[in-house]
């Protein structure tokens, strides 16, 4: 079946790939977080979104994973947060800290995690057209139709929080710094953002989703970043 993404102001062809491990087969993008490695068994199901330009060059990636841990989000993360570490922070070098809000103890049910949002830098030039926001919400909406999750969450940098990117993309709640990662003398603080299923915005006027499968609509990513946003 086909799925249509209507973004006439861009030129990008999107494909939904049923196995998110396809991200590990994209050598021209930064390292992929191990959470999407199927060998780790973090998720019960997952998918990836790959975006190509008219020349077939990979321009965009993101992925969403699903699990039903039968516990609260807080207890789940206490046992698994190392799986969500940044790709370039090796496990053996980590001294990790986690500070989660009390609200996480009351969030239960089916969880979806969104990450690996990457856009190739240096092509198109124009900023501020809102493509990253639309692509983020496209995956949120597809995941909700696919799994009927209770909550979707992601990990973002303080810079993205200050820019209100998660809020503009459909994540009304944030907490942080929730994770503190240390590798040698390097240190990184990250925030957790989340949305209940009923809070996920419906951008159907911008994005039309029909069926399940690949997306065959073109758009050119003019809002780009050279690094992977965890969200």
N, C-alpha and C. Protein backbone atom coordinates (compact mmCIF):
# COMPACT_ATOMS: atom_id res chain seq x y z
N UNK A 1 0.84 -1.18 0.00
CA UNK A 1 0.00 0.00 0.00
C UNK A 1 0.88 1.24 0.00
N UNK A 2 0.32 2.33 -0.46
CA UNK A 2 1.08 3.56 -0.59
C UNK A 2 0.65 4.57 0.47
N UNK A 3 1.56 5.45 0.78
CA UNK A 3 1.31 6.51 1.74
C UNK A 3 1.77 7.81 1.09
N UNK A 4 1.00 8.87 1.26
CA UNK A 4 1.31 10.12 0.57
C UNK A 4 1.63 11.20 1.56
N UNK A 5 2.72 11.89 1.33
CA UNK A 5 3.13 13.03 2.13
C UNK A 5 3.07 14.26 1.24
N UNK A 6 2.16 15.18 1.52
CA UNK A 6 1.95 16.35 0.69
C UNK A 6 2.74 17.53 1.24
N UNK A 7 3.92 17.76 0.69
CA UNK A 7 4.75 18.91 1.05
C UNK A 7 5.24 19.54 -0.25
N UNK A 8 4.38 20.26 -0.95
CA UNK A 8 4.73 20.74 -2.28
C UNK A 8 5.86 21.74 -2.32
N UNK A 9 6.18 22.37 -1.17
CA UNK A 9 7.24 23.37 -1.19
C UNK A 9 8.63 22.77 -1.08
N UNK A 10 8.70 21.43 -0.95
CA UNK A 10 9.99 20.74 -0.88
C UNK A 10 10.11 19.73 -2.01
N UNK A 11 11.28 19.13 -2.12
CA UNK A 11 11.50 18.07 -3.10
C UNK A 11 12.20 16.93 -2.37
N UNK A 12 11.43 16.02 -1.82
CA UNK A 12 11.98 14.93 -1.02
C UNK A 12 11.10 13.70 -1.18
N UNK A 13 11.70 12.57 -1.44
CA UNK A 13 10.97 11.31 -1.52
C UNK A 13 11.23 10.51 -0.26
N UNK A 14 10.16 10.18 0.47
CA UNK A 14 10.28 9.45 1.72
C UNK A 14 9.89 8.00 1.54
N UNK A 15 10.58 7.12 2.27
CA UNK A 15 10.21 5.72 2.32
C UNK A 15 10.15 5.28 3.77
N UNK A 16 9.10 4.59 4.14
CA UNK A 16 9.00 3.97 5.46
C UNK A 16 9.52 2.55 5.33
N UNK A 17 10.55 2.25 6.12
CA UNK A 17 11.18 0.94 6.09
C UNK A 17 10.80 0.20 7.36
N UNK A 18 10.31 -1.01 7.22
CA UNK A 18 9.74 -1.73 8.35
C UNK A 18 10.76 -2.08 9.42
N UNK A 19 12.02 -2.19 9.07
CA UNK A 19 13.07 -2.56 10.02
C UNK A 19 14.01 -1.38 10.21
N UNK A 20 14.01 -0.78 11.41
CA UNK A 20 14.84 0.41 11.64
C UNK A 20 16.32 0.12 11.59
N UNK A 21 16.73 -1.14 11.60
CA UNK A 21 18.17 -1.44 11.51
C UNK A 21 18.74 -1.02 10.17
N UNK A 22 17.89 -0.64 9.21
CA UNK A 22 18.38 -0.13 7.93
C UNK A 22 19.24 1.11 8.14
N UNK A 23 19.05 1.81 9.27
CA UNK A 23 19.86 2.99 9.56
C UNK A 23 21.34 2.64 9.65
N UNK A 24 21.67 1.43 10.08
CA UNK A 24 23.06 1.03 10.21
C UNK A 24 23.71 0.79 8.86
N UNK A 25 22.91 0.81 7.80
CA UNK A 25 23.42 0.58 6.45
C UNK A 25 23.58 1.89 5.68
N UNK A 26 23.58 3.03 6.41
CA UNK A 26 23.70 4.34 5.77
C UNK A 26 25.03 4.97 6.20
N UNK A 27 26.13 4.63 5.52
CA UNK A 27 27.46 5.06 5.98
C UNK A 27 27.73 6.55 5.86
N UNK A 28 26.91 7.28 5.09
CA UNK A 28 27.21 8.70 4.88
C UNK A 28 26.50 9.60 5.89
N UNK A 29 25.88 9.03 6.92
CA UNK A 29 25.29 9.82 8.00
C UNK A 29 26.01 9.47 9.30
N UNK A 30 25.89 10.32 10.33
CA UNK A 30 26.59 10.04 11.58
C UNK A 30 26.17 8.71 12.20
N UNK A 31 26.94 8.29 13.19
CA UNK A 31 26.70 6.99 13.82
C UNK A 31 25.29 6.88 14.36
N UNK A 32 24.72 5.68 14.27
CA UNK A 32 23.36 5.42 14.71
C UNK A 32 23.36 4.92 16.15
N UNK A 33 22.41 5.40 16.94
CA UNK A 33 22.29 4.94 18.32
C UNK A 33 22.01 3.45 18.36
N UNK A 34 22.64 2.76 19.30
CA UNK A 34 22.51 1.32 19.38
C UNK A 34 21.12 0.87 19.79
N UNK A 35 20.28 1.80 20.28
CA UNK A 35 18.94 1.42 20.70
C UNK A 35 18.15 0.81 19.55
N UNK A 36 18.48 1.16 18.31
CA UNK A 36 17.77 0.61 17.16
C UNK A 36 18.46 -0.63 16.58
N UNK A 37 19.47 -1.15 17.25
CA UNK A 37 20.11 -2.40 16.85
C UNK A 37 19.19 -3.55 17.26
N UNK A 38 18.66 -4.31 16.30
CA UNK A 38 17.72 -5.38 16.66
C UNK A 38 18.34 -6.43 17.58
N UNK A 39 19.66 -6.56 17.56
CA UNK A 39 20.31 -7.54 18.42
C UNK A 39 20.16 -7.20 19.90
N UNK A 40 19.90 -5.93 20.21
CA UNK A 40 19.74 -5.53 21.60
C UNK A 40 18.33 -5.81 22.13
N UNK A 41 17.38 -5.98 21.22
CA UNK A 41 16.03 -6.34 21.62
C UNK A 41 15.32 -5.31 22.47
N UNK A 42 15.61 -4.02 22.25
CA UNK A 42 14.97 -2.96 23.04
C UNK A 42 13.50 -2.82 22.68
N UNK A 43 13.19 -2.93 21.39
CA UNK A 43 11.84 -2.67 20.92
C UNK A 43 11.17 -3.94 20.42
N UNK A 44 9.85 -3.97 20.56
CA UNK A 44 9.06 -5.06 20.01
C UNK A 44 8.83 -4.86 18.52
N UNK A 45 8.84 -3.61 18.08
CA UNK A 45 8.64 -3.29 16.68
C UNK A 45 9.27 -1.92 16.44
N UNK A 46 9.62 -1.62 15.21
CA UNK A 46 10.21 -0.32 14.88
C UNK A 46 10.08 -0.08 13.39
N UNK A 47 10.26 1.17 13.00
CA UNK A 47 10.34 1.51 11.58
C UNK A 47 11.26 2.70 11.43
N UNK A 48 11.77 2.87 10.22
CA UNK A 48 12.62 4.01 9.89
C UNK A 48 11.99 4.79 8.76
N UNK A 49 12.28 6.08 8.73
CA UNK A 49 11.88 6.94 7.61
C UNK A 49 13.16 7.42 6.93
N UNK A 50 13.27 7.16 5.65
CA UNK A 50 14.42 7.59 4.86
C UNK A 50 13.94 8.58 3.80
N UNK A 51 14.66 9.67 3.66
CA UNK A 51 14.29 10.68 2.67
C UNK A 51 15.40 10.88 1.65
N UNK A 52 15.05 10.86 0.38
CA UNK A 52 16.02 11.00 -0.71
C UNK A 52 15.64 12.18 -1.59
N UNK A 53 16.66 12.82 -2.16
CA UNK A 53 16.37 13.89 -3.11
C UNK A 53 16.18 13.30 -4.51
N UNK A 54 16.00 14.17 -5.49
CA UNK A 54 15.71 13.71 -6.85
C UNK A 54 16.86 12.93 -7.45
N UNK A 55 18.09 13.12 -6.91
CA UNK A 55 19.26 12.41 -7.41
C UNK A 55 19.50 11.11 -6.65
N UNK A 56 18.61 10.76 -5.74
CA UNK A 56 18.77 9.52 -4.99
C UNK A 56 19.75 9.62 -3.84
N UNK A 57 20.09 10.84 -3.41
CA UNK A 57 21.02 11.03 -2.30
C UNK A 57 20.24 11.05 -1.00
N UNK A 58 20.72 10.32 0.00
CA UNK A 58 20.05 10.29 1.30
C UNK A 58 20.14 11.66 1.94
N UNK A 59 18.98 12.23 2.28
CA UNK A 59 18.91 13.56 2.83
C UNK A 59 18.36 13.60 4.25
N UNK A 60 17.63 12.57 4.64
CA UNK A 60 16.92 12.62 5.92
C UNK A 60 16.73 11.20 6.47
N UNK A 61 16.87 11.07 7.79
CA UNK A 61 16.49 9.83 8.46
C UNK A 61 15.79 10.16 9.78
N UNK A 62 14.95 9.26 10.22
CA UNK A 62 14.45 9.23 11.59
C UNK A 62 13.90 7.83 11.83
N UNK A 63 13.63 7.51 13.09
CA UNK A 63 13.14 6.17 13.41
C UNK A 63 12.27 6.25 14.65
N UNK A 64 11.36 5.29 14.78
CA UNK A 64 10.50 5.17 15.95
C UNK A 64 10.45 3.70 16.36
N UNK A 65 10.61 3.45 17.66
CA UNK A 65 10.50 2.10 18.19
C UNK A 65 9.35 2.00 19.18
N UNK A 66 8.86 0.79 19.38
CA UNK A 66 7.67 0.56 20.20
C UNK A 66 7.94 -0.54 21.22
N UNK A 67 7.44 -0.34 22.44
CA UNK A 67 7.51 -1.40 23.44
C UNK A 67 6.33 -1.26 24.41
N UNK A 68 5.97 -2.36 25.02
CA UNK A 68 4.90 -2.40 26.02
C UNK A 68 5.47 -3.09 27.26
N UNK A 69 6.19 -2.34 28.12
CA UNK A 69 6.94 -2.96 29.21
C UNK A 69 6.10 -3.34 30.43
N UNK A 70 4.82 -3.00 30.42
CA UNK A 70 3.94 -3.34 31.54
C UNK A 70 4.46 -2.76 32.85
N UNK A 71 4.95 -1.54 32.78
CA UNK A 71 5.41 -0.82 33.97
C UNK A 71 5.39 0.67 33.67
N UNK A 72 5.78 1.48 34.62
CA UNK A 72 5.81 2.92 34.38
C UNK A 72 7.02 3.30 33.54
N UNK A 73 6.94 4.46 32.92
CA UNK A 73 8.07 4.93 32.13
C UNK A 73 9.29 5.16 33.02
N UNK A 74 9.08 5.60 34.24
CA UNK A 74 10.20 5.83 35.14
C UNK A 74 10.93 4.53 35.45
N UNK A 75 10.19 3.49 35.81
CA UNK A 75 10.85 2.22 36.13
C UNK A 75 11.49 1.61 34.89
N UNK A 76 10.83 1.76 33.75
CA UNK A 76 11.40 1.24 32.52
C UNK A 76 12.75 1.88 32.21
N UNK A 77 12.82 3.21 32.34
CA UNK A 77 14.06 3.90 32.02
C UNK A 77 15.16 3.61 33.05
N UNK A 78 14.78 3.39 34.29
CA UNK A 78 15.79 3.04 35.27
C UNK A 78 16.53 1.76 34.89
N UNK A 79 15.84 0.86 34.22
CA UNK A 79 16.47 -0.39 33.85
C UNK A 79 17.06 -0.40 32.46
N UNK A 80 16.77 0.61 31.65
CA UNK A 80 17.20 0.53 30.25
C UNK A 80 17.80 1.81 29.70
N UNK A 81 18.03 2.84 30.53
CA UNK A 81 18.41 4.12 29.95
C UNK A 81 19.77 4.08 29.26
N UNK A 82 20.64 3.13 29.61
CA UNK A 82 21.92 3.03 28.92
C UNK A 82 21.73 2.67 27.45
N UNK A 83 20.62 2.01 27.13
CA UNK A 83 20.36 1.70 25.73
C UNK A 83 20.16 2.97 24.91
N UNK A 84 19.79 4.06 25.56
CA UNK A 84 19.46 5.31 24.86
C UNK A 84 20.62 6.30 24.87
N UNK A 85 21.81 5.84 25.19
CA UNK A 85 22.96 6.74 25.21
C UNK A 85 23.30 7.22 23.79
N UNK A 86 23.99 8.36 23.67
CA UNK A 86 24.39 8.83 22.35
C UNK A 86 25.30 7.84 21.65
N UNK A 87 25.25 7.86 20.34
CA UNK A 87 25.99 6.86 19.57
C UNK A 87 27.49 6.95 19.77
N UNK A 88 28.02 8.15 20.03
CA UNK A 88 29.47 8.32 20.10
C UNK A 88 30.00 8.31 21.54
N UNK A 89 29.19 7.82 22.49
CA UNK A 89 29.65 7.68 23.87
C UNK A 89 29.74 6.19 24.19
N UNK A 90 30.97 5.60 24.19
CA UNK A 90 31.09 4.15 24.38
C UNK A 90 30.67 3.74 25.79
N UNK A 91 30.03 2.57 25.87
CA UNK A 91 29.46 2.11 27.12
C UNK A 91 30.51 1.94 28.20
N UNK A 92 31.67 1.43 27.85
CA UNK A 92 32.67 1.16 28.90
C UNK A 92 33.23 2.44 29.50
N UNK A 93 33.03 3.58 28.86
CA UNK A 93 33.60 4.84 29.35
C UNK A 93 32.58 5.69 30.08
N UNK A 94 31.38 5.17 30.29
CA UNK A 94 30.29 6.00 30.80
C UNK A 94 30.25 6.07 32.32
N UNK A 95 30.05 7.27 32.82
CA UNK A 95 29.60 7.50 34.18
C UNK A 95 28.30 8.26 34.04
N UNK A 96 27.19 7.59 34.24
CA UNK A 96 25.89 8.14 33.86
C UNK A 96 25.08 8.56 35.07
N UNK A 97 24.30 9.60 34.88
CA UNK A 97 23.35 10.05 35.89
C UNK A 97 21.99 10.24 35.23
N UNK A 98 20.94 9.98 35.99
CA UNK A 98 19.60 10.12 35.45
C UNK A 98 18.72 10.79 36.49
N UNK A 99 17.97 11.81 36.08
CA UNK A 99 17.05 12.52 36.96
C UNK A 99 15.72 12.65 36.24
N UNK A 100 14.76 11.82 36.62
CA UNK A 100 13.47 11.80 35.95
C UNK A 100 12.39 12.39 36.84
N UNK A 101 11.38 13.03 36.27
CA UNK A 101 10.33 13.66 37.07
C UNK A 101 9.42 12.62 37.71
N UNK A 102 8.77 13.03 38.79
CA UNK A 102 7.84 12.14 39.47
C UNK A 102 6.70 11.72 38.54
N UNK A 103 6.36 12.58 37.59
CA UNK A 103 5.26 12.26 36.68
C UNK A 103 5.51 10.96 35.92
N UNK A 104 6.78 10.64 35.70
CA UNK A 104 7.10 9.42 34.95
C UNK A 104 6.65 8.17 35.69
N UNK A 105 6.49 8.26 37.01
CA UNK A 105 6.02 7.11 37.79
C UNK A 105 4.55 6.81 37.52
N UNK A 106 3.84 7.78 36.95
CA UNK A 106 2.41 7.61 36.71
C UNK A 106 2.09 7.42 35.22
N UNK A 107 3.11 7.47 34.38
CA UNK A 107 2.93 7.25 32.95
C UNK A 107 3.15 5.78 32.64
N UNK A 108 2.10 5.10 32.25
CA UNK A 108 2.16 3.67 31.99
C UNK A 108 1.51 3.37 30.64
N UNK A 109 1.76 2.17 30.17
CA UNK A 109 1.09 1.73 28.95
C UNK A 109 2.06 1.40 27.85
N UNK A 110 1.67 1.70 26.63
CA UNK A 110 2.48 1.40 25.45
C UNK A 110 3.30 2.63 25.08
N UNK A 111 4.61 2.45 24.97
CA UNK A 111 5.52 3.57 24.75
C UNK A 111 6.11 3.52 23.34
N UNK A 112 6.24 4.69 22.72
CA UNK A 112 6.97 4.82 21.47
C UNK A 112 8.12 5.79 21.70
N UNK A 113 9.28 5.47 21.14
CA UNK A 113 10.47 6.32 21.25
C UNK A 113 10.84 6.81 19.86
N UNK A 114 11.07 8.11 19.73
CA UNK A 114 11.40 8.71 18.44
C UNK A 114 12.82 9.27 18.48
N UNK A 115 13.61 8.94 17.47
CA UNK A 115 14.99 9.43 17.45
C UNK A 115 15.59 9.41 16.06
N UNK A 116 16.91 9.64 16.01
CA UNK A 116 17.70 9.57 14.78
C UNK A 116 17.26 10.56 13.72
N UNK A 117 16.74 11.72 14.15
CA UNK A 117 16.34 12.74 13.18
C UNK A 117 17.59 13.43 12.65
N UNK A 118 17.88 13.21 11.39
CA UNK A 118 19.07 13.76 10.74
C UNK A 118 18.66 14.35 9.40
N UNK A 119 19.27 15.51 9.08
CA UNK A 119 19.06 16.14 7.79
C UNK A 119 20.41 16.55 7.25
N UNK A 120 20.68 16.16 6.01
CA UNK A 120 21.99 16.43 5.41
C UNK A 120 22.25 17.93 5.33
N UNK A 121 23.43 18.38 5.75
CA UNK A 121 23.73 19.82 5.69
C UNK A 121 24.16 20.26 4.30
N UNK A 122 24.08 21.55 4.08
CA UNK A 122 24.73 22.15 2.93
C UNK A 122 24.01 22.03 1.61
N UNK A 123 22.74 21.62 1.60
CA UNK A 123 22.01 21.53 0.32
C UNK A 123 20.71 22.31 0.46
N UNK A 124 20.47 23.20 -0.44
CA UNK A 124 19.22 23.96 -0.42
C UNK A 124 19.38 25.34 0.15
N UNK A 125 20.08 25.48 1.27
CA UNK A 125 20.42 26.79 1.79
C UNK A 125 19.37 27.46 2.63
N UNK A 126 18.11 27.47 2.25
CA UNK A 126 17.10 28.22 2.98
C UNK A 126 16.74 27.54 4.29
N UNK A 127 16.62 28.35 5.34
CA UNK A 127 16.26 27.85 6.66
C UNK A 127 14.86 28.32 7.03
N UNK A 128 14.28 27.69 8.03
CA UNK A 128 13.06 28.20 8.62
C UNK A 128 11.77 27.85 7.91
N UNK A 129 11.80 26.89 6.98
CA UNK A 129 10.57 26.54 6.28
C UNK A 129 9.77 25.47 7.02
N UNK A 130 10.29 24.98 8.14
CA UNK A 130 9.50 24.09 8.98
C UNK A 130 9.49 22.64 8.56
N UNK A 131 10.43 22.21 7.71
CA UNK A 131 10.41 20.82 7.26
C UNK A 131 10.66 19.86 8.41
N UNK A 132 11.63 20.16 9.28
CA UNK A 132 11.95 19.24 10.37
C UNK A 132 10.74 19.02 11.26
N UNK A 133 9.98 20.08 11.53
CA UNK A 133 8.77 19.96 12.34
C UNK A 133 7.76 19.04 11.67
N UNK A 134 7.56 19.22 10.37
CA UNK A 134 6.59 18.41 9.66
C UNK A 134 7.02 16.95 9.59
N UNK A 135 8.30 16.70 9.36
CA UNK A 135 8.78 15.33 9.30
C UNK A 135 8.69 14.64 10.65
N UNK A 136 8.97 15.39 11.73
CA UNK A 136 8.84 14.83 13.07
C UNK A 136 7.41 14.42 13.34
N UNK A 137 6.46 15.29 13.04
CA UNK A 137 5.07 14.98 13.31
C UNK A 137 4.54 13.90 12.38
N UNK A 138 5.05 13.84 11.16
CA UNK A 138 4.67 12.77 10.24
C UNK A 138 4.96 11.41 10.86
N UNK A 139 6.15 11.24 11.44
CA UNK A 139 6.49 9.95 12.06
C UNK A 139 5.66 9.70 13.32
N UNK A 140 5.40 10.77 14.10
CA UNK A 140 4.56 10.61 15.30
C UNK A 140 3.17 10.10 14.91
N UNK A 141 2.60 10.69 13.85
CA UNK A 141 1.25 10.31 13.44
C UNK A 141 1.24 8.91 12.85
N UNK A 142 2.26 8.57 12.07
CA UNK A 142 2.32 7.21 11.50
C UNK A 142 2.44 6.18 12.61
N UNK A 143 3.28 6.47 13.62
CA UNK A 143 3.45 5.54 14.73
C UNK A 143 2.15 5.36 15.51
N UNK A 144 1.39 6.43 15.68
CA UNK A 144 0.13 6.35 16.41
C UNK A 144 -0.88 5.49 15.66
N UNK A 145 -0.92 5.62 14.34
CA UNK A 145 -1.82 4.79 13.55
C UNK A 145 -1.36 3.33 13.57
N UNK A 146 -0.07 3.13 13.63
CA UNK A 146 0.50 1.78 13.56
C UNK A 146 0.32 1.02 14.87
N UNK A 147 0.54 1.70 16.00
CA UNK A 147 0.59 1.01 17.29
C UNK A 147 -0.46 1.48 18.29
N UNK A 148 -1.09 2.59 18.09
CA UNK A 148 -2.01 3.14 19.07
C UNK A 148 -1.32 3.25 20.44
N UNK A 149 -0.15 3.88 20.45
CA UNK A 149 0.61 4.01 21.70
C UNK A 149 -0.10 4.94 22.67
N UNK A 150 0.29 4.85 23.94
CA UNK A 150 -0.23 5.75 24.97
C UNK A 150 0.63 6.99 25.13
N UNK A 151 1.93 6.86 24.85
CA UNK A 151 2.87 7.96 25.06
C UNK A 151 4.03 7.82 24.09
N UNK A 152 4.49 8.94 23.56
CA UNK A 152 5.69 8.95 22.73
C UNK A 152 6.69 9.90 23.37
N UNK A 153 7.97 9.52 23.36
CA UNK A 153 8.98 10.33 24.02
C UNK A 153 10.24 10.37 23.18
N UNK A 154 11.11 11.30 23.51
CA UNK A 154 12.35 11.48 22.76
C UNK A 154 13.38 12.15 23.67
N UNK A 155 14.62 12.17 23.21
CA UNK A 155 15.73 12.79 23.94
C UNK A 155 16.27 13.92 23.08
N UNK A 156 16.45 15.11 23.68
CA UNK A 156 16.90 16.27 22.91
C UNK A 156 17.94 17.05 23.70
N UNK A 157 18.66 17.89 23.00
CA UNK A 157 19.66 18.74 23.62
C UNK A 157 19.02 19.99 24.22
N UNK A 158 19.76 20.65 25.10
CA UNK A 158 19.27 21.91 25.67
C UNK A 158 19.08 22.96 24.58
N UNK A 159 19.93 22.93 23.57
CA UNK A 159 19.82 23.89 22.47
C UNK A 159 18.46 23.76 21.79
N UNK A 160 18.00 22.53 21.59
CA UNK A 160 16.70 22.32 20.95
C UNK A 160 15.56 22.75 21.87
N UNK A 161 15.74 22.56 23.18
CA UNK A 161 14.73 23.02 24.13
C UNK A 161 14.61 24.54 24.07
N UNK A 162 15.76 25.24 24.07
CA UNK A 162 15.74 26.70 24.03
C UNK A 162 15.10 27.21 22.74
N UNK A 163 15.31 26.49 21.66
CA UNK A 163 14.72 26.88 20.37
C UNK A 163 13.27 26.46 20.26
N UNK A 164 12.76 25.75 21.26
CA UNK A 164 11.38 25.28 21.30
C UNK A 164 11.06 24.36 20.13
N UNK A 165 12.08 23.66 19.63
CA UNK A 165 11.82 22.73 18.54
C UNK A 165 10.90 21.59 18.95
N UNK A 166 11.12 20.93 20.11
CA UNK A 166 10.18 19.85 20.47
C UNK A 166 8.75 20.33 20.62
N UNK A 167 8.57 21.49 21.27
CA UNK A 167 7.22 22.01 21.46
C UNK A 167 6.55 22.29 20.11
N UNK A 168 7.30 22.87 19.19
CA UNK A 168 6.73 23.18 17.88
C UNK A 168 6.46 21.91 17.07
N UNK A 169 7.14 20.82 17.41
CA UNK A 169 7.00 19.57 16.67
C UNK A 169 5.95 18.65 17.26
N UNK A 170 5.36 19.01 18.41
CA UNK A 170 4.29 18.20 18.96
C UNK A 170 4.55 17.61 20.33
N UNK A 171 5.67 17.98 20.97
CA UNK A 171 5.99 17.49 22.31
C UNK A 171 5.75 18.60 23.33
N UNK A 172 4.64 18.57 24.07
CA UNK A 172 4.33 19.67 24.99
C UNK A 172 5.05 19.62 26.32
N UNK A 173 5.67 18.47 26.67
CA UNK A 173 6.28 18.33 27.99
C UNK A 173 7.78 18.06 27.86
N UNK A 174 8.55 18.62 28.78
CA UNK A 174 9.98 18.30 28.80
C UNK A 174 10.49 18.30 30.23
N UNK A 175 11.57 17.59 30.44
CA UNK A 175 12.22 17.52 31.74
C UNK A 175 13.72 17.44 31.51
N UNK A 176 14.46 18.12 32.35
CA UNK A 176 15.90 18.00 32.18
C UNK A 176 16.68 19.00 33.02
N UNK A 177 18.00 18.75 33.00
CA UNK A 177 18.61 17.64 32.27
C UNK A 177 18.26 16.29 32.89
N UNK A 178 17.70 15.41 32.07
CA UNK A 178 17.28 14.10 32.55
C UNK A 178 18.41 13.09 32.51
N UNK A 179 19.22 13.16 31.47
CA UNK A 179 20.36 12.25 31.33
C UNK A 179 21.65 13.06 31.33
N UNK A 180 22.64 12.61 32.06
CA UNK A 180 23.98 13.18 32.00
C UNK A 180 24.94 12.06 31.63
N UNK A 181 25.58 12.23 30.47
CA UNK A 181 26.49 11.21 29.96
C UNK A 181 27.91 11.72 30.10
N UNK A 182 28.81 10.85 30.55
CA UNK A 182 30.22 11.21 30.69
C UNK A 182 31.08 10.12 30.08
N UNK A 183 32.01 10.52 29.25
CA UNK A 183 32.97 9.61 28.64
C UNK A 183 34.34 10.27 28.72
N UNK A 184 35.18 9.80 29.62
CA UNK A 184 36.44 10.46 29.85
C UNK A 184 36.20 11.86 30.39
N UNK A 185 36.76 12.86 29.73
CA UNK A 185 36.54 14.25 30.13
C UNK A 185 35.34 14.88 29.44
N UNK A 186 34.70 14.14 28.59
CA UNK A 186 33.54 14.66 27.87
C UNK A 186 32.28 14.50 28.72
N UNK A 187 31.39 15.45 28.60
CA UNK A 187 30.14 15.39 29.34
C UNK A 187 29.02 15.97 28.47
N UNK A 188 27.85 15.37 28.56
CA UNK A 188 26.71 15.82 27.76
C UNK A 188 25.46 15.68 28.60
N UNK A 189 24.66 16.76 28.65
CA UNK A 189 23.37 16.73 29.33
C UNK A 189 22.26 16.77 28.29
N UNK A 190 21.25 15.93 28.50
CA UNK A 190 20.14 15.86 27.56
C UNK A 190 18.81 15.88 28.30
N UNK A 191 17.79 16.34 27.59
CA UNK A 191 16.45 16.47 28.13
C UNK A 191 15.56 15.35 27.57
N UNK A 192 14.54 15.00 28.31
CA UNK A 192 13.51 14.09 27.83
C UNK A 192 12.25 14.91 27.53
N UNK A 193 11.67 14.68 26.36
CA UNK A 193 10.40 15.32 25.99
C UNK A 193 9.38 14.21 25.74
N UNK A 194 8.10 14.53 25.97
CA UNK A 194 7.09 13.50 25.76
C UNK A 194 5.74 14.11 25.45
N UNK A 195 4.88 13.27 24.87
CA UNK A 195 3.50 13.66 24.55
C UNK A 195 2.60 12.45 24.75
N UNK A 196 1.47 12.66 25.38
CA UNK A 196 0.44 11.64 25.42
C UNK A 196 -0.18 11.51 24.03
N UNK A 197 -0.74 10.35 23.75
CA UNK A 197 -1.30 10.12 22.41
C UNK A 197 -2.32 11.19 22.04
N UNK A 198 -3.15 11.58 23.02
CA UNK A 198 -4.19 12.56 22.71
C UNK A 198 -3.63 13.97 22.53
N UNK A 199 -2.35 14.17 22.84
CA UNK A 199 -1.73 15.48 22.68
C UNK A 199 -0.99 15.62 21.36
N UNK A 200 -0.83 14.53 20.63
CA UNK A 200 -0.10 14.59 19.37
C UNK A 200 -0.91 15.42 18.38
N UNK A 201 -0.36 16.49 17.84
CA UNK A 201 -1.14 17.37 16.94
C UNK A 201 -1.43 16.68 15.62
N UNK A 202 -2.52 17.04 15.04
CA UNK A 202 -2.93 16.50 13.74
C UNK A 202 -2.66 17.56 12.68
N UNK A 203 -1.58 17.36 11.92
CA UNK A 203 -1.24 18.29 10.86
C UNK A 203 -1.75 17.76 9.51
N UNK A 204 -2.96 17.23 9.50
CA UNK A 204 -3.47 16.60 8.30
C UNK A 204 -3.62 17.59 7.15
N UNK A 205 -3.70 18.86 7.45
CA UNK A 205 -3.76 19.85 6.37
C UNK A 205 -2.43 19.95 5.65
N UNK A 206 -1.34 19.62 6.37
CA UNK A 206 0.00 19.65 5.77
C UNK A 206 0.45 18.27 5.29
N UNK A 207 0.00 17.23 6.00
CA UNK A 207 0.49 15.89 5.74
C UNK A 207 -0.71 14.97 5.57
N UNK A 208 -0.76 14.25 4.46
CA UNK A 208 -1.83 13.29 4.24
C UNK A 208 -1.24 11.89 4.28
N UNK A 209 -1.74 11.05 5.16
CA UNK A 209 -1.27 9.68 5.30
C UNK A 209 -2.37 8.75 4.83
N UNK A 210 -2.06 7.96 3.82
CA UNK A 210 -3.05 7.04 3.28
C UNK A 210 -2.44 5.65 3.24
N UNK A 211 -2.96 4.75 4.09
CA UNK A 211 -2.46 3.39 4.09
C UNK A 211 -1.14 3.26 4.81
N UNK A 212 -0.47 2.14 4.57
CA UNK A 212 0.81 1.85 5.19
C UNK A 212 1.75 1.38 4.11
N UNK A 213 2.95 1.89 4.10
CA UNK A 213 3.91 1.46 3.10
C UNK A 213 4.92 2.55 2.82
N UNK A 214 5.30 2.70 1.57
CA UNK A 214 6.31 3.69 1.23
C UNK A 214 5.64 5.01 0.86
N UNK A 215 6.42 6.06 0.98
CA UNK A 215 5.93 7.40 0.67
C UNK A 215 6.56 7.84 -0.64
N UNK A 216 5.75 8.28 -1.57
CA UNK A 216 6.25 8.69 -2.87
C UNK A 216 5.85 10.13 -3.15
N UNK A 217 6.42 11.04 -2.39
CA UNK A 217 6.17 12.45 -2.64
C UNK A 217 7.48 13.20 -2.49
N UNK A 218 7.64 14.23 -3.26
CA UNK A 218 8.93 14.87 -3.32
C UNK A 218 8.99 16.15 -2.53
N UNK A 219 10.14 16.37 -2.00
CA UNK A 219 10.42 17.60 -1.30
C UNK A 219 11.91 17.71 -1.08
N UNK A 220 12.41 18.89 -1.07
CA UNK A 220 13.85 19.10 -0.91
C UNK A 220 14.11 19.68 0.47
N UNK A 221 14.93 19.05 1.30
CA UNK A 221 15.13 19.53 2.67
C UNK A 221 15.96 20.79 2.70
N UNK A 222 15.32 21.92 2.92
CA UNK A 222 16.02 23.19 2.94
C UNK A 222 16.34 23.63 4.36
N UNK A 223 15.84 22.92 5.34
CA UNK A 223 16.18 23.19 6.74
C UNK A 223 17.04 22.02 7.19
N UNK A 224 18.34 22.23 7.40
CA UNK A 224 19.23 21.10 7.55
C UNK A 224 20.14 21.26 8.75
N UNK A 225 20.65 20.12 9.20
CA UNK A 225 21.59 20.09 10.31
C UNK A 225 22.61 19.02 10.02
N UNK A 226 23.85 19.27 10.38
CA UNK A 226 24.90 18.30 10.12
C UNK A 226 25.02 17.24 11.19
N UNK A 227 24.28 17.34 12.26
CA UNK A 227 24.37 16.36 13.32
C UNK A 227 23.02 15.69 13.53
N UNK A 228 23.07 14.53 14.15
CA UNK A 228 21.84 13.82 14.45
C UNK A 228 21.20 14.44 15.69
N UNK A 229 19.96 14.88 15.53
CA UNK A 229 19.18 15.27 16.70
C UNK A 229 18.58 14.00 17.27
N UNK A 230 18.71 13.83 18.57
CA UNK A 230 18.19 12.62 19.16
C UNK A 230 16.70 12.50 18.88
N UNK A 231 16.03 13.62 18.87
CA UNK A 231 14.66 13.65 18.39
C UNK A 231 14.70 13.80 16.87
